[in-house]
Protein backbone atom coordinates (compact mmCIF):
# COMPACT_ATOMS: atom_id res chain seq x y z
CA MET A 1 25.07 -3.34 -20.09
CA ARG A 2 26.10 -2.66 -23.68
CA ASP A 3 25.51 0.70 -25.29
CA ARG A 4 24.51 -0.82 -28.66
CA ARG A 5 22.92 -4.05 -29.76
CA CYS A 6 22.36 -5.68 -33.13
CA HIS A 7 18.76 -6.75 -32.82
CA HIS A 8 15.97 -7.98 -30.53
CA PRO A 9 13.69 -11.02 -31.01
CA GLY A 10 10.36 -10.52 -32.79
CA PHE A 11 6.95 -9.89 -31.36
CA GLY A 12 5.90 -13.53 -31.61
CA VAL A 13 8.59 -14.57 -29.16
CA ALA A 14 7.46 -11.91 -26.67
CA VAL A 15 3.84 -13.00 -26.83
CA VAL A 16 4.69 -16.71 -26.37
CA ILE A 17 7.01 -16.02 -23.41
CA PHE A 18 4.42 -13.69 -21.86
CA ALA A 19 1.85 -16.45 -22.00
CA VAL A 20 4.24 -18.83 -20.26
CA LEU A 21 5.21 -16.17 -17.73
CA SER A 22 1.65 -15.17 -16.83
CA LEU A 23 -0.14 -18.51 -17.02
CA ASN A 24 2.20 -21.49 -16.96
CA GLY A 25 5.18 -20.19 -15.00
CA PRO A 26 3.90 -20.71 -11.45
CA GLU A 27 2.13 -23.96 -12.37
CA ARG A 28 5.28 -25.35 -13.96
CA ALA A 29 7.22 -24.38 -10.83
CA LYS A 30 4.74 -26.26 -8.67
CA GLY A 31 4.99 -29.32 -10.93
CA GLU A 32 8.76 -29.41 -10.55
CA VAL A 33 8.58 -29.81 -6.78
CA GLY A 34 8.92 -33.56 -6.09
CA SER A 35 8.87 -35.46 -2.85
CA GLY A 36 12.68 -35.32 -2.70
CA ASP A 37 12.65 -31.53 -3.03
CA ILE A 38 10.41 -30.80 -0.04
CA PRO A 39 12.54 -29.61 2.89
CA GLY A 40 11.91 -31.19 6.24
CA GLU A 41 10.83 -34.69 5.17
CA PRO A 42 14.26 -36.42 5.44
CA GLU A 43 14.83 -34.87 8.85
CA GLN A 44 11.42 -36.05 10.04
CA VAL A 45 12.16 -39.64 8.93
CA GLU A 46 15.55 -39.66 10.69
CA ALA A 47 14.04 -38.25 13.86
CA GLN A 48 11.33 -40.93 13.80
CA GLN A 49 13.90 -43.72 13.35
CA ALA A 50 16.03 -42.39 16.21
CA GLY A 51 12.99 -42.25 18.44
CA ASP A 52 12.11 -45.89 17.66
CA GLU A 53 15.58 -47.07 18.69
CA SER A 54 15.96 -45.06 21.91
CA ALA A 55 12.41 -45.04 23.32
CA PRO A 56 10.30 -48.12 22.57
CA GLY A 57 6.60 -47.74 22.92
CA PRO A 58 3.67 -46.15 21.08
CA GLU A 59 4.56 -43.32 18.69
CA VAL A 60 3.32 -39.86 19.59
CA GLU A 61 2.70 -37.51 16.66
CA SER A 62 4.07 -34.00 17.20
CA THR A 63 1.68 -31.16 16.45
CA ASP A 64 4.54 -28.67 15.92
CA SER A 65 6.18 -30.46 12.97
CA ALA A 66 3.57 -29.48 10.34
CA PRO A 67 3.98 -25.69 10.60
CA ALA A 68 7.77 -26.09 10.58
CA ALA A 69 7.57 -28.10 7.34
CA ASP A 70 5.04 -25.81 5.66
CA LYS A 71 7.18 -22.70 5.98
CA PRO A 72 10.20 -24.05 4.02
CA ARG A 73 7.83 -25.34 1.36
CA ARG A 74 6.34 -21.90 0.83
CA GLU A 75 9.77 -20.27 0.73
CA ARG A 76 11.04 -22.82 -1.81
CA LEU A 77 7.98 -22.34 -4.01
CA LEU A 78 8.40 -18.54 -3.94
CA LYS A 79 12.06 -18.84 -4.94
CA ARG A 80 11.14 -21.14 -7.83
CA ILE A 81 8.87 -18.48 -9.36
CA GLY A 82 11.79 -16.19 -10.20
CA PRO A 83 14.58 -16.91 -12.69
CA LYS A 84 17.55 -18.87 -11.43
CA GLY A 85 21.23 -19.19 -12.22
CA LEU A 86 22.19 -15.53 -12.76
CA THR A 87 25.88 -14.79 -12.47
CA PRO A 88 26.98 -11.94 -10.18
CA GLU A 89 27.61 -9.83 -13.30
CA GLN A 90 24.12 -10.53 -14.64
CA GLU A 91 22.54 -9.75 -11.28
CA ALA A 92 24.40 -6.44 -11.13
CA GLU A 93 23.22 -5.63 -14.65
CA ALA A 94 19.63 -6.48 -13.72
CA GLU A 95 19.89 -4.14 -10.73
CA GLU A 96 21.17 -1.29 -12.93
CA LEU A 97 18.54 -1.79 -15.65
CA ARG A 98 15.75 -1.96 -13.08
CA ARG A 99 16.98 1.35 -11.67
CA LEU A 100 16.83 2.89 -15.16
CA ALA A 101 13.38 1.42 -15.82
CA ALA A 102 12.06 2.99 -12.60
CA LYS A 103 13.79 6.29 -13.38
CA TYR A 104 12.29 6.54 -16.88
CA GLY A 105 8.86 5.12 -16.04
CA THR A 106 8.90 1.94 -18.16
CA ASP A 107 8.64 -0.60 -15.30
CA PRO A 108 4.97 -1.13 -14.30
CA THR A 109 6.05 -2.91 -11.10
CA ALA A 110 8.17 0.00 -9.80
CA ILE A 111 6.82 1.91 -6.80
CA VAL A 112 7.69 5.46 -7.85
CA GLY A 113 5.80 8.73 -8.15
CA ARG A 114 4.94 10.07 -11.58
CA VAL A 115 3.39 13.05 -13.36
CA GLN A 116 2.73 12.29 -17.02
CA LEU A 117 0.93 13.91 -19.96
CA THR A 118 0.28 12.02 -23.19
CA SER A 119 -1.66 12.73 -26.36
CA GLN A 120 -2.40 10.33 -29.18
CA TYR A 121 -4.04 10.56 -32.58
CA LEU A 122 -6.12 7.52 -33.56
CA ASP A 123 -7.22 6.68 -37.08
CA LEU A 124 -10.36 4.58 -36.64
CA PRO A 125 -12.39 2.39 -39.04
CA GLU A 126 -14.78 3.92 -41.61
CA GLY A 127 -13.22 7.37 -41.61
CA ALA A 128 -13.56 8.09 -37.89
CA ARG A 129 -10.71 9.68 -35.96
CA ALA A 130 -9.97 10.73 -32.40
CA VAL A 131 -7.46 12.60 -30.22
CA ASP A 132 -7.07 11.26 -26.68
CA THR A 133 -5.12 13.37 -24.17
CA VAL A 134 -4.48 11.82 -20.73
CA ALA A 135 -3.12 13.34 -17.52
CA ARG A 136 -1.70 10.69 -15.17
CA VAL A 137 -0.48 10.89 -11.58
CA ASP A 138 1.09 7.99 -9.61
CA ILE A 139 1.46 8.24 -5.83
CA PRO A 140 3.53 5.63 -3.92
CA PHE A 141 2.83 4.92 -0.25
CA ARG A 142 3.74 2.43 2.48
CA GLY A 143 6.77 1.12 0.62
CA ASN A 144 5.13 -1.37 -1.77
CA TRP A 145 1.82 0.31 -2.61
CA LEU A 146 0.96 2.57 -5.54
CA LEU A 147 -2.13 4.61 -6.43
CA ARG A 148 -2.53 5.57 -10.09
CA THR A 149 -5.12 7.97 -11.51
CA GLU A 150 -5.78 8.92 -15.13
CA MET A 151 -8.04 11.71 -16.38
CA PRO A 152 -8.59 11.63 -20.16
CA PHE A 153 -9.77 14.41 -22.45
CA LEU A 154 -11.26 12.99 -25.65
CA LYS A 155 -12.11 14.55 -29.00
CA TRP A 156 -13.55 12.47 -31.84
CA SER A 157 -15.36 12.80 -35.14
CA ASP A 158 -17.24 10.22 -37.22
CA PRO A 159 -18.85 11.49 -40.44
CA ASN A 160 -20.76 8.22 -40.91
CA ARG A 161 -22.44 8.24 -37.52
CA SER A 162 -26.13 9.05 -37.25
CA GLY A 163 -26.96 12.01 -35.04
CA ALA A 164 -24.00 13.85 -33.52
CA THR A 165 -20.92 13.35 -35.69
CA SER A 166 -18.39 14.77 -33.21
CA ALA A 167 -17.83 15.42 -29.51
CA GLN A 168 -15.14 16.62 -27.16
CA GLY A 169 -14.64 16.89 -23.42
CA THR A 170 -13.57 14.90 -20.39
CA SER A 171 -13.92 11.11 -20.50
CA ASP A 172 -14.08 8.47 -17.72
CA LEU A 173 -11.78 8.75 -14.71
CA SER A 174 -9.60 5.67 -14.10
CA VAL A 175 -8.04 4.60 -10.77
CA ILE A 176 -5.69 1.66 -10.09
CA ALA A 177 -4.40 0.59 -6.68
CA GLY A 178 -1.49 -1.86 -6.74
CA TRP A 179 0.69 -3.83 -4.30
CA ARG A 180 4.13 -5.15 -5.22
CA ALA A 181 3.94 -8.70 -3.91
CA TYR A 182 7.41 -9.86 -5.00
CA ASN A 183 10.54 -7.92 -5.88
CA THR A 184 14.11 -8.88 -6.79
CA PRO A 185 16.50 -7.27 -9.29
CA GLU A 186 15.61 -9.92 -11.89
CA TYR A 187 11.89 -10.46 -11.23
CA ALA A 188 8.96 -8.53 -9.77
CA VAL A 189 5.19 -8.96 -9.50
CA LEU A 190 2.55 -6.30 -8.84
CA ILE A 191 -1.11 -7.14 -8.27
CA GLY A 192 -3.91 -4.63 -8.04
CA ALA A 193 -7.48 -3.56 -8.72
CA LEU A 194 -8.79 -1.05 -11.24
CA ALA A 195 -11.96 1.01 -11.38
CA THR A 196 -13.42 3.51 -13.82
CA PHE A 197 -16.10 6.11 -13.13
CA PRO A 198 -18.62 7.62 -15.58
CA THR A 199 -17.30 11.18 -15.43
CA ALA A 200 -17.61 11.89 -19.18
CA ALA A 201 -18.95 15.30 -20.10
CA GLU A 202 -21.19 13.76 -22.79
CA SER A 203 -22.57 10.27 -23.32
CA GLY A 204 -20.47 9.74 -26.45
CA LEU A 205 -17.22 10.37 -24.57
CA GLY A 206 -17.37 7.51 -22.06
CA LEU A 207 -18.77 4.10 -21.25
CA GLY A 208 -21.59 5.39 -19.05
CA LYS A 209 -20.80 2.63 -16.55
CA TYR A 210 -18.91 2.01 -13.33
CA THR A 211 -16.38 -0.75 -13.96
CA VAL A 212 -14.04 -2.76 -11.72
CA GLY A 213 -11.58 -5.59 -12.19
CA PRO A 214 -8.22 -7.13 -11.28
CA ALA A 215 -4.83 -6.17 -12.69
CA LEU A 216 -1.48 -7.97 -12.80
CA ALA A 217 1.97 -6.77 -13.90
CA THR A 218 5.24 -8.73 -14.05
CA ALA A 219 8.78 -7.78 -15.09
CA ARG A 220 11.47 -10.39 -15.74
CA PHE A 221 15.11 -9.72 -16.64
CA ILE A 222 16.31 -11.64 -19.74
CA PRO A 223 20.14 -11.79 -19.66
CA ARG A 224 20.48 -12.89 -23.30
CA TRP A 225 18.58 -9.81 -24.52
CA GLU A 226 19.87 -7.46 -21.80
CA SER A 227 16.24 -6.36 -21.52
CA PHE A 228 13.09 -6.81 -19.46
CA LEU A 229 10.17 -8.96 -20.56
CA ILE A 230 7.07 -7.30 -19.16
CA GLY A 231 3.57 -8.73 -18.98
CA LEU A 232 0.34 -6.95 -18.04
CA LEU A 233 -3.12 -8.45 -17.67
CA GLN A 234 -6.34 -6.56 -16.90
CA TYR A 235 -10.02 -7.35 -16.81
CA GLN A 236 -12.87 -4.91 -16.27
CA THR A 237 -16.60 -5.47 -15.96
CA SER A 238 -19.46 -3.06 -15.41
CA VAL A 239 -21.13 -2.99 -11.99
CA GLY A 240 -23.56 -0.11 -12.40
CA GLY A 241 -24.27 3.09 -14.22
CA ASP A 242 -26.64 4.01 -17.04
CA PRO A 243 -28.89 0.97 -17.67
CA SER A 244 -29.45 2.04 -21.27
CA ARG A 245 -25.73 1.75 -22.09
CA ARG A 246 -24.07 -1.48 -23.16
CA ASP A 247 -22.48 -3.57 -20.39
CA VAL A 248 -18.69 -3.83 -20.25
CA SER A 249 -16.68 -7.06 -20.11
CA LEU A 250 -13.22 -6.47 -21.53
CA MET A 251 -9.92 -8.31 -21.03
CA ARG A 252 -6.54 -6.91 -22.11
CA GLY A 253 -3.14 -8.58 -22.20
CA ILE A 254 0.09 -6.76 -23.06
CA ALA A 255 3.54 -8.22 -23.74
CA GLN A 256 6.54 -5.84 -23.83
CA VAL A 257 10.26 -6.03 -24.41
CA ASN A 258 11.89 -3.04 -22.69
CA SER A 259 15.52 -2.24 -23.61
CA PHE A 260 17.96 0.53 -22.72
CA TRP A 261 20.59 2.05 -24.98
CA GLY A 262 23.27 3.73 -22.91
CA GLN A 263 22.06 5.96 -20.09
CA LYS A 264 19.67 8.18 -22.09
CA TRP A 265 17.59 6.14 -24.54
CA TRP A 266 15.06 3.36 -24.19
CA THR A 267 12.74 1.35 -26.45
CA VAL A 268 9.57 -0.61 -25.77
CA VAL A 269 8.17 -3.09 -28.29
CA GLN A 270 4.71 -4.25 -27.31
CA ALA A 271 1.76 -6.32 -28.49
CA VAL A 272 -1.71 -5.52 -27.10
CA TRP A 273 -4.37 -8.25 -27.24
CA GLN A 274 -7.98 -7.56 -26.26
CA ILE A 275 -11.14 -9.64 -25.95
CA ASN A 276 -14.55 -7.99 -25.71
CA TRP A 277 -16.87 -10.57 -24.17
CA GLU A 278 -19.90 -8.35 -24.84
CA GLN A 279 -19.17 -8.63 -28.59
CA ASN A 280 -19.28 -12.43 -28.66
CA ALA A 281 -15.65 -12.66 -27.50
CA LYS A 282 -14.42 -10.68 -30.49
CA SER A 283 -10.69 -9.97 -30.19
CA SER A 284 -8.19 -7.40 -31.47
CA MET A 285 -4.42 -7.08 -31.71
CA THR A 286 -2.28 -3.97 -32.04
CA MET A 287 1.51 -3.62 -32.25
CA GLU A 288 3.33 -0.55 -30.92
CA PHE A 289 6.90 0.70 -30.73
CA GLU A 290 8.03 3.30 -28.19
CA LEU A 291 11.22 5.33 -28.47
CA GLY A 292 12.09 7.49 -25.48
CA ARG A 293 14.91 9.69 -24.26
CA SER A 294 15.87 11.27 -20.96
CA ILE A 295 15.82 15.04 -21.32
CA VAL A 296 17.27 15.99 -17.96
CA GLY A 297 17.35 14.08 -14.70
CA ARG A 298 14.06 12.21 -14.28
CA LEU A 299 12.26 14.12 -17.04
CA GLY A 300 11.78 12.09 -20.21
CA ALA A 301 9.86 12.23 -23.49
CA PHE A 302 8.73 9.51 -25.87
CA VAL A 303 6.92 8.83 -29.15
CA ARG A 304 4.91 5.64 -29.73
CA PRO A 305 3.42 4.77 -33.15
CA GLY A 306 1.15 1.75 -33.51
CA VAL A 307 -0.78 -0.26 -36.07
CA GLY A 308 -3.85 -2.47 -35.81
CA ILE A 309 -3.36 -6.11 -36.82
CA TRP A 310 -6.95 -7.34 -36.58
CA GLY A 311 -10.24 -6.53 -34.84
CA GLN A 312 -10.07 -2.77 -35.39
CA SER A 313 -13.76 -2.42 -34.47
CA VAL A 314 -13.20 -3.71 -30.92
CA LEU A 315 -13.27 -1.11 -28.14
CA GLY A 316 -9.75 0.30 -27.66
CA ALA A 317 -8.41 -0.84 -31.06
CA TYR A 318 -7.60 1.29 -34.14
CA ASP A 319 -6.26 1.23 -37.71
CA TRP A 320 -3.13 3.15 -36.70
CA ASN A 321 -2.09 5.72 -34.14
CA VAL A 322 0.74 7.99 -33.01
CA GLU A 323 1.23 8.90 -29.34
CA VAL A 324 3.64 11.41 -27.79
CA GLY A 325 4.22 12.06 -24.12
CA VAL A 326 6.34 13.55 -21.38
CA ARG A 327 6.76 12.21 -17.86
CA TYR A 328 8.55 13.25 -14.69
CA MET A 329 9.37 10.50 -12.21
CA PHE A 330 9.74 10.97 -8.46
CA ALA A 331 11.41 8.67 -5.95
CA SER A 332 8.48 9.50 -3.68
CA PHE A 333 6.01 12.31 -3.03
């Protein structure tokens, strides 16, 4: 791991690679498996030929050969999902960077405990503005499981809105349960489910709906960049709540490049893409840059400015924002 680097690739590269990683990666791996790559088939042919020479008579099909062949196929397919061809030095570097990412809380696939407090100012369209403060707690359990809860406190004002022009108080509680399905120093996958609850103190502070949906996070080590390429995909849909409030059908994809500078500093460059299916599939894009530093031990602080690229009127988007936060990471609770 170098202490300084000249530059990192642009956001466009991260978004393209994230799309390949999240959507095409496993399918491409399946397509590469040919008949000559499937373990067990040559051995079965040889065994059949030997049986024909030594014991003439009708062939008897073995019922135990299929499970024995299926297991190597699954193992080979799983190995093909992750990156290949790392040198021992690159694998050692991936191990060290993954340790730092877990220590500083930038790896969404890490199973570590966390206490985090963030606050962000959002400049919204048509003169509206908001301050969103979020308390987050992550609890790991059973080795590869993680429970994440977030409780936001929201304050907003909109001089152009009819009726109440401001509000403040608690917003909707969010809970995510995740399972790390695959984990190596160079590649990891976490799958989970998210849910939000209408706990807002006032109607203007939350969605007014119960929502649920799947979540996926991946982290891949890129030796050329000495960084991690991280992809996150979430979808949430309303399943109940206030019938007078608008239904929710929102998808969010995030691509990140996470780098470390020595043993104290880190950066995260990310693009956030959203589609609101309840607004005729209207989309938005924001770009954010996070700069963080370890204060002492597992306690770190960061600042994350962002800017809206398009679709600022979509739920969750903005014209520009600035977020600051502190987090303390635990190995376990």
